[in-house]
C-alpha atoms as a PDB file:
ATOM      1  CA  UNK A   1       0.032  -0.102   0.025  1.00  0.00           C
ATOM      2  CA  UNK A   2       2.576   2.586   0.975  1.00  0.00           C
ATOM      3  CA  UNK A   3       4.486   1.212  -2.053  1.00  0.00           C
ATOM      4  CA  UNK A   4       1.246   2.629  -4.464  1.00  0.00           C
ATOM      5  CA  UNK A   5       1.117   6.201  -2.730  1.00  0.00           C
ATOM      6  CA  UNK A   6       4.706   6.604  -3.205  1.00  0.00           C
ATOM      7  CA  UNK A   7       4.393   5.272  -6.875  1.00  0.00           C
ATOM      8  CA  UNK A   8       1.936   7.966  -7.278  1.00  0.00           C
ATOM      9  CA  UNK A   9       3.528  10.839  -6.059  1.00  0.00           C
ATOM     10  CA  UNK A  10       7.278   9.887  -7.659  1.00  0.00           C
ATOM     11  CA  UNK A  11       6.503  12.006 -10.720  1.00  0.00           C
ATOM     12  CA  UNK A  12       5.677  15.846 -11.144  1.00  0.00           C
ATOM     13  CA  UNK A  13       2.220  16.888 -11.605  1.00  0.00           C
ATOM     14  CA  UNK A  14       3.145  17.418 -15.478  1.00  0.00           C
ATOM     15  CA  UNK A  15       4.202  14.498 -16.453  1.00  0.00           C
ATOM     16  CA  UNK A  16       2.342  11.834 -13.905  1.00  0.00           C
ATOM     17  CA  UNK A  17       1.512   8.984 -15.794  1.00  0.00           C
ATOM     18  CA  UNK A  18      -2.440   8.319 -15.341  1.00  0.00           C
ATOM     19  CA  UNK A  19      -3.100   6.037 -13.390  1.00  0.00           C
ATOM     20  CA  UNK A  20      -6.265   3.655 -13.303  1.00  0.00           C
ATOM     21  CA  UNK A  21      -9.798   4.099 -11.111  1.00  0.00           C
ATOM     22  CA  UNK A  22      -8.449   0.336  -9.642  1.00  0.00           C
ATOM     23  CA  UNK A  23      -4.450   2.127  -8.436  1.00  0.00           C
ATOM     24  CA  UNK A  24      -6.661   5.836  -7.444  1.00  0.00           C
ATOM     25  CA  UNK A  25      -9.206   3.601  -5.271  1.00  0.00           C
ATOM     26  CA  UNK A  26      -6.039   2.182  -3.086  1.00  0.00           C
ATOM     27  CA  UNK A  27      -4.644   5.134  -3.421  1.00  0.00           C
ATOM     28  CA  UNK A  28      -7.921   6.512  -1.450  1.00  0.00           C
ATOM     29  CA  UNK A  29      -7.902   3.456   0.663  1.00  0.00           C
ATOM     30  CA  UNK A  30      -4.856   3.874   1.755  1.00  0.00           C
ATOM     31  CA  UNK A  31      -5.272   7.478   3.224  1.00  0.00           C
ATOM     32  CA  UNK A  32      -8.563   6.369   4.387  1.00  0.00           C
ATOM     33  CA  UNK A  33      -6.938   3.633   6.672  1.00  0.00           C
ATOM     34  CA  UNK A  34      -4.459   6.001   8.333  1.00  0.00           C
ATOM     35  CA  UNK A  35      -6.318   8.940   9.002  1.00  0.00           C
ATOM     36  CA  UNK A  36      -8.302   7.306  12.089  1.00  0.00           C
ATOM     37  CA  UNK A  37      -4.337   7.112  13.265  1.00  0.00           C
ATOM     38  CA  UNK A  38      -2.917  10.302  12.136  1.00  0.00           C
ATOM     39  CA  UNK A  39      -6.116  12.435  13.215  1.00  0.00           C
ATOM     40  CA  UNK A  40      -6.128  11.030  16.632  1.00  0.00           C
ATOM     41  CA  UNK A  41      -2.186  11.659  16.864  1.00  0.00           C
ATOM     42  CA  UNK A  42      -3.204  15.358  15.942  1.00  0.00           C
ATOM     43  CA  UNK A  43      -6.578  16.007  18.005  1.00  0.00           C
ATOM     44  CA  UNK A  44      -5.167  14.360  21.169  1.00  0.00           C
ATOM     45  CA  UNK A  45      -0.860  14.502  21.289  1.00  0.00           C
ATOM     46  CA  UNK A  46       0.323  16.674  19.049  1.00  0.00           C
ATOM     47  CA  UNK A  47      -2.966  19.296  19.408  1.00  0.00           C
ATOM     48  CA  UNK A  48      -2.585  19.314  23.621  1.00  0.00           C
ATOM     49  CA  UNK A  49       1.147  19.771  23.073  1.00  0.00           C
ATOM     50  CA  UNK A  50       1.028  22.585  21.749  1.00  0.00           C
ATOM     51  CA  UNK A  51      -1.890  23.871  23.338  1.00  0.00           C
ATOM     52  CA  UNK A  52       0.422  23.021  26.444  1.00  0.00           C
ATOM     53  CA  UNK A  53       3.715  24.842  24.912  1.00  0.00           C
ATOM     54  CA  UNK A  54       1.700  28.238  24.544  1.00  0.00           C
ATOM     55  CA  UNK A  55      -0.376  27.753  28.061  1.00  0.00           C
ATOM     56  CA  UNK A  56       2.714  27.753  29.874  1.00  0.00           C
ATOM     57  CA  UNK A  57       3.094  31.712  29.015  1.00  0.00           C
ATOM     58  CA  UNK A  58      -0.172  32.477  30.267  1.00  0.00           C
ATOM     59  CA  UNK A  59      -1.851  32.701  33.243  1.00  0.00           C
ATOM     60  CA  UNK A  60      -5.229  30.457  33.145  1.00  0.00           C
ATOM     61  CA  UNK A  61      -7.290  29.520  35.449  1.00  0.00           C
ATOM     62  CA  UNK A  62      -9.976  27.099  33.125  1.00  0.00           C
ATOM     63  CA  UNK A  63     -13.039  29.872  33.324  1.00  0.00           C
ATOM     64  CA  UNK A  64     -11.229  32.693  32.013  1.00  0.00           C
ATOM     65  CA  UNK A  65      -9.581  33.958  28.760  1.00  0.00           C
ATOM     66  CA  UNK A  66      -5.628  33.155  29.162  1.00  0.00           C
ATOM     67  CA  UNK A  67      -3.546  36.219  30.466  1.00  0.00           C
ATOM     68  CA  UNK A  68       0.353  36.528  29.249  1.00  0.00           C
ATOM     69  CA  UNK A  69       2.603  36.739  30.981  1.00  0.00           C
ATOM     70  CA  UNK A  70       5.302  35.911  29.232  1.00  0.00           C
ATOM     71  CA  UNK A  71       8.335  33.634  31.139  1.00  0.00           C
ATOM     72  CA  UNK A  72       6.720  34.900  34.741  1.00  0.00           C
ATOM     73  CA  UNK A  73       5.393  30.820  35.507  1.00  0.00           C
ATOM     74  CA  UNK A  74       8.692  29.218  34.407  1.00  0.00           C
ATOM     75  CA  UNK A  75      10.633  32.094  36.901  1.00  0.00           C
ATOM     76  CA  UNK A  76       8.161  31.157  39.185  1.00  0.00           C
ATOM     77  CA  UNK A  77       9.300  28.089  39.647  1.00  0.00           C
ATOM     78  CA  UNK A  78      12.468  29.051  40.629  1.00  0.00           C
ATOM     79  CA  UNK A  79      11.352  30.261  44.052  1.00  0.00           C
ATOM     80  CA  UNK A  80       8.566  27.314  44.546  1.00  0.00           C
ATOM     81  CA  UNK A  81       9.494  25.433  47.518  1.00  0.00           C
ATOM     82  CA  UNK A  82       7.103  23.219  47.139  1.00  0.00           C
ATOM     83  CA  UNK A  83       8.668  22.752  43.169  1.00  0.00           C
ATOM     84  CA  UNK A  84      12.324  22.381  44.982  1.00  0.00           C
ATOM     85  CA  UNK A  85      10.656  19.842  46.919  1.00  0.00           C
ATOM     86  CA  UNK A  86       8.855  17.585  44.539  1.00  0.00           C
ATOM     87  CA  UNK A  87      11.975  17.735  42.565  1.00  0.00           C
ATOM     88  CA  UNK A  88      14.134  16.348  45.380  1.00  0.00           C
ATOM     89  CA  UNK A  89      11.752  14.093  46.116  1.00  0.00           C
ATOM     90  CA  UNK A  90      11.328  12.925  42.109  1.00  0.00           C
ATOM     91  CA  UNK A  91      15.102  12.749  42.230  1.00  0.00           C
ATOM     92  CA  UNK A  92      15.917  10.506  45.190  1.00  0.00           C
ATOM     93  CA  UNK A  93      12.907   8.080  44.052  1.00  0.00           C
ATOM     94  CA  UNK A  94      14.613   7.648  40.707  1.00  0.00           C
ATOM     95  CA  UNK A  95      18.057   7.265  41.896  1.00  0.00           C
ATOM     96  CA  UNK A  96      17.269   4.430  44.073  1.00  0.00           C
ATOM     97  CA  UNK A  97      14.268   2.263  42.271  1.00  0.00           C
ATOM     98  CA  UNK A  98      15.528   2.287  39.034  1.00  0.00           C
ATOM     99  CA  UNK A  99      19.315   0.662  40.336  1.00  0.00           C
ATOM    100  CA  UNK A 100      17.327  -1.607  41.940  1.00  0.00           C
ATOM    101  CA  UNK A 101      14.826  -2.279  39.669  1.00  0.00           C
ATOM    102  CA  UNK A 102      16.985  -3.575  37.320  1.00  0.00           C
ATOM    103  CA  UNK A 103      19.082  -5.822  39.679  1.00  0.00           C
ATOM    104  CA  UNK A 104      16.328  -6.919  40.806  1.00  0.00           C
ATOM    105  CA  UNK A 105      14.450  -8.100  37.318  1.00  0.00           C
ATOM    106  CA  UNK A 106      17.828  -9.240  36.469  1.00  0.00           C
ATOM    107  CA  UNK A 107      18.326 -11.383  38.941  1.00  0.00           C
ATOM    108  CA  UNK A 108      14.654 -12.775  38.050  1.00  0.00           C
ATOM    109  CA  UNK A 109      16.133 -13.462  34.737  1.00  0.00           C
ATOM    110  CA  UNK A 110      19.053 -15.556  35.554  1.00  0.00           C
ATOM    111  CA  UNK A 111      16.917 -17.523  37.712  1.00  0.00           C
ATOM    112  CA  UNK A 112      13.903 -17.773  35.604  1.00  0.00           C
ATOM    113  CA  UNK A 113      16.684 -19.014  32.769  1.00  0.00           C
ATOM    114  CA  UNK A 114      17.339 -21.845  33.903  1.00  0.00           C
ATOM    115  CA  UNK A 115      16.249 -25.019  32.504  1.00  0.00           C
ATOM    116  CA  UNK A 116      14.320 -26.430  35.072  1.00  0.00           C
ATOM    117  CA  UNK A 117      10.698 -28.152  35.381  1.00  0.00           C
ATOM    118  CA  UNK A 118       7.952 -25.672  35.550  1.00  0.00           C
ATOM    119  CA  UNK A 119       9.950 -22.142  34.376  1.00  0.00           C
ATOM    120  CA  UNK A 120       7.008 -21.573  32.115  1.00  0.00           C
ATOM    121  CA  UNK A 121       4.362 -21.264  34.718  1.00  0.00           C
ATOM    122  CA  UNK A 122       6.981 -19.158  37.271  1.00  0.00           C
ATOM    123  CA  UNK A 123       7.670 -16.670  34.567  1.00  0.00           C
ATOM    124  CA  UNK A 124       4.031 -16.399  33.922  1.00  0.00           C
ATOM    125  CA  UNK A 125       3.477 -15.933  37.720  1.00  0.00           C
ATOM    126  CA  UNK A 126       6.409 -13.512  37.521  1.00  0.00           C
ATOM    127  CA  UNK A 127       5.164 -11.291  34.656  1.00  0.00           C
ATOM    128  CA  UNK A 128       1.834 -11.622  35.981  1.00  0.00           C
ATOM    129  CA  UNK A 129       1.761  -8.515  38.522  1.00  0.00           C
ATOM    130  CA  UNK A 130       2.626  -5.615  35.765  1.00  0.00           C
ATOM    131  CA  UNK A 131      -0.705  -6.403  33.830  1.00  0.00           C
ATOM    132  CA  UNK A 132      -2.717  -5.398  36.929  1.00  0.00           C
ATOM    133  CA  UNK A 133      -3.941  -2.132  37.250  1.00  0.00           C
ATOM    134  CA  UNK A 134      -1.725   0.647  38.897  1.00  0.00           C
ATOM    135  CA  UNK A 135      -4.865   2.103  41.233  1.00  0.00           C
ATOM    136  CA  UNK A 136      -5.189  -1.865  42.405  1.00  0.00           C
ATOM    137  CA  UNK A 137      -1.850  -2.315  43.025  1.00  0.00           C
ATOM    138  CA  UNK A 138      -1.013   1.061  45.083  1.00  0.00           C
ATOM    139  CA  UNK A 139      -4.697   0.295  47.070  1.00  0.00           C
ATOM    140  CA  UNK A 140      -2.996  -3.295  47.536  1.00  0.00           C
ATOM    141  CA  UNK A 141       0.059  -1.777  48.612  1.00  0.00           C
ATOM    142  CA  UNK A 142      -1.479   0.690  50.814  1.00  0.00           C
ATOM    143  CA  UNK A 143      -2.973  -1.998  52.749  1.00  0.00           C
ATOM    144  CA  UNK A 144      -0.253  -4.363  53.056  1.00  0.00           C
ATOM    145  CA  UNK A 145       1.907  -0.750  54.796  1.00  0.00           C
ATOM    146  CA  UNK A 146      -1.313  -0.109  57.033  1.00  0.00           C
ATOM    147  CA  UNK A 147       0.447   0.079  60.848  1.00  0.00           C
ATOM    148  CA  UNK A 148      -1.931  -1.544  62.600  1.00  0.00           C
ATOM    149  CA  UNK A 149      -3.393  -4.191  60.258  1.00  0.00           C
ATOM    150  CA  UNK A 150      -1.063  -4.415  57.235  1.00  0.00           C
ATOM    151  CA  UNK A 151       0.326  -7.399  56.076  1.00  0.00           C
ATOM    152  CA  UNK A 152       3.999  -6.556  56.348  1.00  0.00           C
ATOM    153  CA  UNK A 153       4.044  -5.303  60.073  1.00  0.00           C
ATOM    154  CA  UNK A 154       2.706  -8.042  60.832  1.00  0.00           C
ATOM    155  CA  UNK A 155       5.225 -10.375  59.484  1.00  0.00           C
ATOM    156  CA  UNK A 156       7.769  -7.866  61.119  1.00  0.00           C
ATOM    157  CA  UNK A 157       6.036  -8.243  64.376  1.00  0.00           C
ATOM    158  CA  UNK A 158       6.570 -12.152  63.962  1.00  0.00           C
ATOM    159  CA  UNK A 159      10.590 -12.274  63.877  1.00  0.00           C
ATOM    160  CA  UNK A 160       9.998  -8.947  66.453  1.00  0.00           C
ATOM    161  CA  UNK A 161      10.639  -6.475  65.138  1.00  0.00           C
ATOM    162  CA  UNK A 162       8.350  -3.418  65.827  1.00  0.00           C
ATOM    163  CA  UNK A 163       7.238  -2.001  61.829  1.00  0.00           C
ATOM    164  CA  UNK A 164       7.187   1.905  61.720  1.00  0.00           C
ATOM    165  CA  UNK A 165       4.258   4.071  60.191  1.00  0.00           C
ATOM    166  CA  UNK A 166       5.299   3.551  56.878  1.00  0.00           C
ATOM    167  CA  UNK A 167       2.724   5.963  54.899  1.00  0.00           C
ATOM    168  CA  UNK A 168       1.943   8.466  58.000  1.00  0.00           C
ATOM    169  CA  UNK A 169       5.568   8.657  58.404  1.00  0.00           C
ATOM    170  CA  UNK A 170       7.596  11.170  56.542  1.00  0.00           C
ATOM    171  CA  UNK A 171      10.932   9.118  57.216  1.00  0.00           C
ATOM    172  CA  UNK A 172       9.627   6.002  55.666  1.00  0.00           C
ATOM    173  CA  UNK A 173       6.537   7.000  53.526  1.00  0.00           C
ATOM    174  CA  UNK A 174       8.867   7.468  50.460  1.00  0.00           C
ATOM    175  CA  UNK A 175      10.832   4.243  50.948  1.00  0.00           C
ATOM    176  CA  UNK A 176       7.415   2.319  51.189  1.00  0.00           C
ATOM    177  CA  UNK A 177       6.722   3.892  47.515  1.00  0.00           C
ATOM    178  CA  UNK A 178      10.067   2.516  46.643  1.00  0.00           C
ATOM    179  CA  UNK A 179       9.796  -1.213  47.548  1.00  0.00           C
ATOM    180  CA  UNK A 180       6.018  -1.014  46.128  1.00  0.00           C
ATOM    181  CA  UNK A 181       7.360   0.044  42.594  1.00  0.00           C
ATOM    182  CA  UNK A 182       9.175  -3.463  42.586  1.00  0.00           C
ATOM    183  CA  UNK A 183       6.246  -5.129  41.963  1.00  0.00           C
ATOM    184  CA  UNK A 184       6.442  -4.152  38.257  1.00  0.00           C
ATOM    185  CA  UNK A 185      10.017  -5.485  37.620  1.00  0.00           C
ATOM    186  CA  UNK A 186       8.646  -8.495  35.491  1.00  0.00           C
ATOM    187  CA  UNK A 187       8.094  -6.478  32.348  1.00  0.00           C
ATOM    188  CA  UNK A 188      11.940  -5.707  32.798  1.00  0.00           C
ATOM    189  CA  UNK A 189      12.543  -9.341  34.072  1.00  0.00           C
ATOM    190  CA  UNK A 190      10.756 -10.517  30.694  1.00  0.00           C
ATOM    191  CA  UNK A 191      12.729  -7.987  28.503  1.00  0.00           C
ATOM    192  CA  UNK A 192      15.852  -9.215  30.325  1.00  0.00           C
ATOM    193  CA  UNK A 193      15.158 -12.835  29.820  1.00  0.00           C
ATOM    194  CA  UNK A 194      14.974 -12.344  26.160  1.00  0.00           C
ATOM    195  CA  UNK A 195      18.232 -10.896  25.523  1.00  0.00           C
ATOM    196  CA  UNK A 196      19.831 -13.859  27.879  1.00  0.00           C
ATOM    197  CA  UNK A 197      17.885 -16.660  25.789  1.00  0.00           C
ATOM    198  CA  UNK A 198      19.936 -14.296  22.654  1.00  0.00           C
ATOM    199  CA  UNK A 199      23.750 -14.950  24.050  1.00  0.00           C
ATOM    200  CA  UNK A 200      25.563 -17.333  22.141  1.00  0.00           C
ATOM    201  CA  UNK A 201      26.233 -21.105  23.960  1.00  0.00           C
ATOM    202  CA  UNK A 202      29.433 -21.526  22.259  1.00  0.00           C
ATOM    203  CA  UNK A 203      30.859 -18.309  24.173  1.00  0.00           C
ATOM    204  CA  UNK A 204      29.799 -19.818  27.515  1.00  0.00           C
ATOM    205  CA  UNK A 205      31.067 -23.265  25.905  1.00  0.00           C
ATOM    206  CA  UNK A 206      34.554 -22.081  24.785  1.00  0.00           C
ATOM    207  CA  UNK A 207      34.867 -19.972  28.760  1.00  0.00           C
ATOM    208  CA  UNK A 208      34.565 -22.833  30.077  1.00  0.00           C
ATOM    209  CA  UNK A 209      37.214 -24.592  27.921  1.00  0.00           C
ATOM    210  CA  UNK A 210      39.313 -21.977  29.312  1.00  0.00           C
ATOM    211  CA  UNK A 211      38.502 -22.214  33.283  1.00  0.00           C
ATOM    212  CA  UNK A 212      36.104 -19.534  33.727  1.00  0.00           C
ATOM    213  CA  UNK A 213      34.397 -19.564  36.678  1.00  0.00           C
ATOM    214  CA  UNK A 214      31.047 -18.758  37.006  1.00  0.00           C
ATOM    215  CA  UNK A 215      31.308 -14.931  37.897  1.00  0.00           C
ATOM    216  CA  UNK A 216      33.998 -14.439  34.970  1.00  0.00           C
ATOM    217  CA  UNK A 217      31.096 -15.439  32.373  1.00  0.00           C
ATOM    218  CA  UNK A 218      29.236 -13.576  34.121  1.00  0.00           C
ATOM    219  CA  UNK A 219      31.004 -10.168  34.308  1.00  0.00           C
ATOM    220  CA  UNK A 220      32.753 -11.022  31.026  1.00  0.00           C
ATOM    221  CA  UNK A 221      30.108 -12.577  28.817  1.00  0.00           C
ATOM    222  CA  UNK A 222      26.707 -11.994  30.218  1.00  0.00           C
ATOM    223  CA  UNK A 223      26.801  -8.393  31.343  1.00  0.00           C
ATOM    224  CA  UNK A 224      28.664  -7.078  28.464  1.00  0.00           C
ATOM    225  CA  UNK A 225      26.137  -9.187  25.404  1.00  0.00           C
ATOM    226  CA  UNK A 226      22.839  -7.983  27.368  1.00  0.00           C
ATOM    227  CA  UNK A 227      23.994  -4.471  27.456  1.00  0.00           C
ATOM    228  CA  UNK A 228      21.643  -3.337  25.065  1.00  0.00           C
ATOM    229  CA  UNK A 229      18.772  -4.870  27.259  1.00  0.00           C
ATOM    230  CA  UNK A 230      20.334  -2.950  30.064  1.00  0.00           C
ATOM    231  CA  UNK A 231      20.130   0.400  28.115  1.00  0.00           C
ATOM    232  CA  UNK A 232      17.149   0.251  26.894  1.00  0.00           C
ATOM    233  CA  UNK A 233      15.440  -0.859  30.782  1.00  0.00           C
ATOM    234  CA  UNK A 234      17.988   1.849  32.076  1.00  0.00           C
ATOM    235  CA  UNK A 235      15.778   4.580  29.454  1.00  0.00           C
ATOM    236  CA  UNK A 236      12.631   3.173  30.209  1.00  0.00           C
ATOM    237  CA  UNK A 237      12.751   3.426  34.014  1.00  0.00           C
ATOM    238  CA  UNK A 238      14.119   6.817  34.114  1.00  0.00           C
ATOM    239  CA  UNK A 239      11.169   7.920  32.043  1.00  0.00           C
ATOM    240  CA  UNK A 240       8.611   6.285  34.214  1.00  0.00           C
ATOM    241  CA  UNK A 241      10.170   6.625  37.263  1.00  0.00           C
ATOM    242  CA  UNK A 242      10.219  10.787  37.387  1.00  0.00           C
ATOM    243  CA  UNK A 243       6.431  10.563  35.919  1.00  0.00           C
ATOM    244  CA  UNK A 244       5.322   8.465  38.954  1.00  0.00           C
ATOM    245  CA  UNK A 245       1.740   9.673  39.709  1.00  0.00           C
ATOM    246  CA  UNK A 246      -0.580   6.956  40.889  1.00  0.00           C
ATOM    247  CA  UNK A 247       1.759   5.038  43.471  1.00  0.00           C
ATOM    248  CA  UNK A 248       1.896   8.599  45.701  1.00  0.00           C
ATOM    249  CA  UNK A 249      -1.127   9.812  44.527  1.00  0.00           C
ATOM    250  CA  UNK A 250      -3.261   6.862  45.953  1.00  0.00           C
ATOM    251  CA  UNK A 251      -0.462   5.613  48.410  1.00  0.00           C
ATOM    252  CA  UNK A 252      -0.299   8.994  49.930  1.00  0.00           C
ATOM    253  CA  UNK A 253      -1.781  11.560  48.260  1.00  0.00           C
ATOM    254  CA  UNK A 254       1.431  13.107  48.633  1.00  0.00           C
ATOM    255  CA  UNK A 255       1.964  13.135  52.096  1.00  0.00           C
ATOM    256  CA  UNK A 256       3.130  13.282  55.060  1.00  0.00           C
ATOM    257  CA  UNK A 257       4.541  16.702  55.322  1.00  0.00           C
ATOM    258  CA  UNK A 258       4.991  16.765  51.371  1.00  0.00           C
ATOM    259  CA  UNK A 259       7.488  13.659  51.976  1.00  0.00           C
ATOM    260  CA  UNK A 260       6.018  11.798  48.863  1.00  0.00           C
ATOM    261  CA  UNK A 261       5.374  14.903  46.842  1.00  0.00           C
ATOM    262  CA  UNK A 262       6.337  13.737  43.067  1.00  0.00           C
ATOM    263  CA  UNK A 263       6.615  16.532  40.295  1.00  0.00           C
ATOM    264  CA  UNK A 264       3.479  14.576  38.299  1.00  0.00           C
ATOM    265  CA  UNK A 265       1.393  15.089  41.610  1.00  0.00           C
ATOM    266  CA  UNK A 266       2.362  18.432  42.635  1.00  0.00           C
ATOM    267  CA  UNK A 267       1.969  19.231  38.712  1.00  0.00           C
ATOM    268  CA  UNK A 268      -1.623  17.816  39.259  1.00  0.00           C
ATOM    269  CA  UNK A 269      -2.419  19.500  42.069  1.00  0.00           C
ATOM    270  CA  UNK A 270      -1.974  23.324  40.393  1.00  0.00           C
ATOM    271  CA  UNK A 271      -4.205  21.621  37.077  1.00  0.00           C
ATOM    272  CA  UNK A 272      -6.658  20.660  38.538  1.00  0.00           C
ATOM    273  CA  UNK A 273      -7.522  21.529  42.430  1.00  0.00           C
ATOM    274  CA  UNK A 274      -5.662  25.315  42.450  1.00  0.00           C
ATOM    275  CA  UNK A 275      -6.845  25.013  38.665  1.00  0.00           C
ATOM    276  CA  UNK A 276      -3.249  26.861  37.421  1.00  0.00           C
ATOM    277  CA  UNK A 277      -3.193  25.754  33.987  1.00  0.00           C
ATOM    278  CA  UNK A 278      -0.946  28.036  32.766  1.00  0.00           C
ATOM    279  CA  UNK A 279       1.680  27.257  35.701  1.00  0.00           C
ATOM    280  CA  UNK A 280       0.992  23.440  35.485  1.00  0.00           C
ATOM    281  CA  UNK A 281       1.520  23.928  31.470  1.00  0.00           C
ATOM    282  CA  UNK A 282       5.280  25.832  32.841  1.00  0.00           C
ATOM    283  CA  UNK A 283       6.232  22.680  35.043  1.00  0.00           C
ATOM    284  CA  UNK A 284       5.350  19.665  32.611  1.00  0.00           C
ATOM    285  CA  UNK A 285       7.618  20.753  29.664  1.00  0.00           C
ATOM    286  CA  UNK A 286      10.556  21.596  32.836  1.00  0.00           C
ATOM    287  CA  UNK A 287       9.620  18.231  33.158  1.00  0.00           C
ATOM    288  CA  UNK A 288       9.888  16.733  29.457  1.00  0.00           C
ATOM    289  CA  UNK A 289      13.232  19.263  29.604  1.00  0.00           C
ATOM    290  CA  UNK A 290      14.319  17.291  32.599  1.00  0.00           C
ATOM    291  CA  UNK A 291      13.569  13.881  30.859  1.00  0.00           C
ATOM    292  CA  UNK A 292      15.080  14.864  27.888  1.00  0.00           C
ATOM    293  CA  UNK A 293      18.524  16.002  29.277  1.00  0.00           C
ATOM    294  CA  UNK A 294      18.430  12.581  31.070  1.00  0.00           C
ATOM    295  CA  UNK A 295      17.695  10.243  28.562  1.00  0.00           C
ATOM    296  CA  UNK A 296      20.112  12.300  26.046  1.00  0.00           C
ATOM    297  CA  UNK A 297      22.787  11.760  28.640  1.00  0.00           C
ATOM    298  CA  UNK A 298      22.332   7.676  28.583  1.00  0.00           C
ATOM    299  CA  UNK A 299      21.892   7.916  25.060  1.00  0.00           C
ATOM    300  CA  UNK A 300      25.654   9.513  24.787  1.00  0.00           C
ATOM    301  CA  UNK A 301      27.163   7.263  27.576  1.00  0.00           C
ATOM    302  CA  UNK A 302      26.143   4.290  25.962  1.00  0.00           C
ATOM    303  CA  UNK A 303      29.238   4.184  23.249  1.00  0.00           C
ATOM    304  CA  UNK A 304      31.271   3.653  25.907  1.00  0.00           C
ATOM    305  CA  UNK A 305      29.715   0.497  27.904  1.00  0.00           C
ATOM    306  CA  UNK A 306      26.791  -1.028  25.444  1.00  0.00           C
ATOM    307  CA  UNK A 307      27.608  -3.552  22.821  1.00  0.00           C
ATOM    308  CA  UNK A 308      26.245  -4.423  19.583  1.00  0.00           C
ATOM    309  CA  UNK A 309      27.939  -7.400  17.884  1.00  0.00           C
ATOM    310  CA  UNK A 310      26.769  -5.599  14.692  1.00  0.00           C
ATOM    311  CA  UNK A 311      28.583  -3.076  14.499  1.00  0.00           C
ATOM    312  CA  UNK A 312      31.652  -4.470  16.442  1.00  0.00           C
ATOM    313  CA  UNK A 313      31.756  -6.606  12.916  1.00  0.00           C
ATOM    314  CA  UNK A 314      31.883  -3.656  10.810  1.00  0.00           C
ATOM    315  CA  UNK A 315      34.425  -2.064  12.426  1.00  0.00           C
ATOM    316  CA  UNK A 316      36.654  -5.334  12.269  1.00  0.00           C
END
């Protein structure tokens, strides 16, 4: 279908060969089939992006017409203590949860890559939590971390440890959300598992002949050969962590004392509680810039630690 559309625009209109009725109908059908996707992208993606960029320079509360304020929304962010608190919480969460999540997902993938009976069932069990709704999962963890009757504190009490207040203690609330984030490591685990199964067995056989230990094989074969998978999971992890909203909104609401006030949650408050749409739009673009810079830094650093077999062959 794409070739037909390309063929129709290959020549200038003056010398373009006359298309048959059947070819013209196919070209029309091609545009007709892609139009829902194109319209959806323009109306629900590109349109809101352009609108938010324009609104970020205005004072807009939905009820009245936008009033141009220039860069006041952006300069106001740097003077907003809660914005810096939200940025701090998001950074701490990302720095801790992303590396630990990658380590846990890789560990689970290594275990589930073994040839044991029932491994297919175990893989399904580990992946299943990732398909459950985020709100349902957040409610589950809210009950688990309940200070009075939560399962976490009950289990800690069984071994003689008095559990903290968790979600109502500002010293432990963020820790609870970080722990809850590991519920979804099954998605990254599945990608790691695919990467592990793509490593040629000849590499391990050659290493065994040379007398390499299991630790040496993991360090010099497994990790380099799945570095591209780590790169992919790292980028997605950073983007997801900096945009965390559901867990904080359902489990703590940003409290106590703004200890779990993430950037996305603070953005939501400004937009839909205080109706400061212009201010929230500016915050959204600042968040986008932060995510973009971090993603570009990861891409820039990838040649130093990501191994691609095809590029290595091309270089040699």
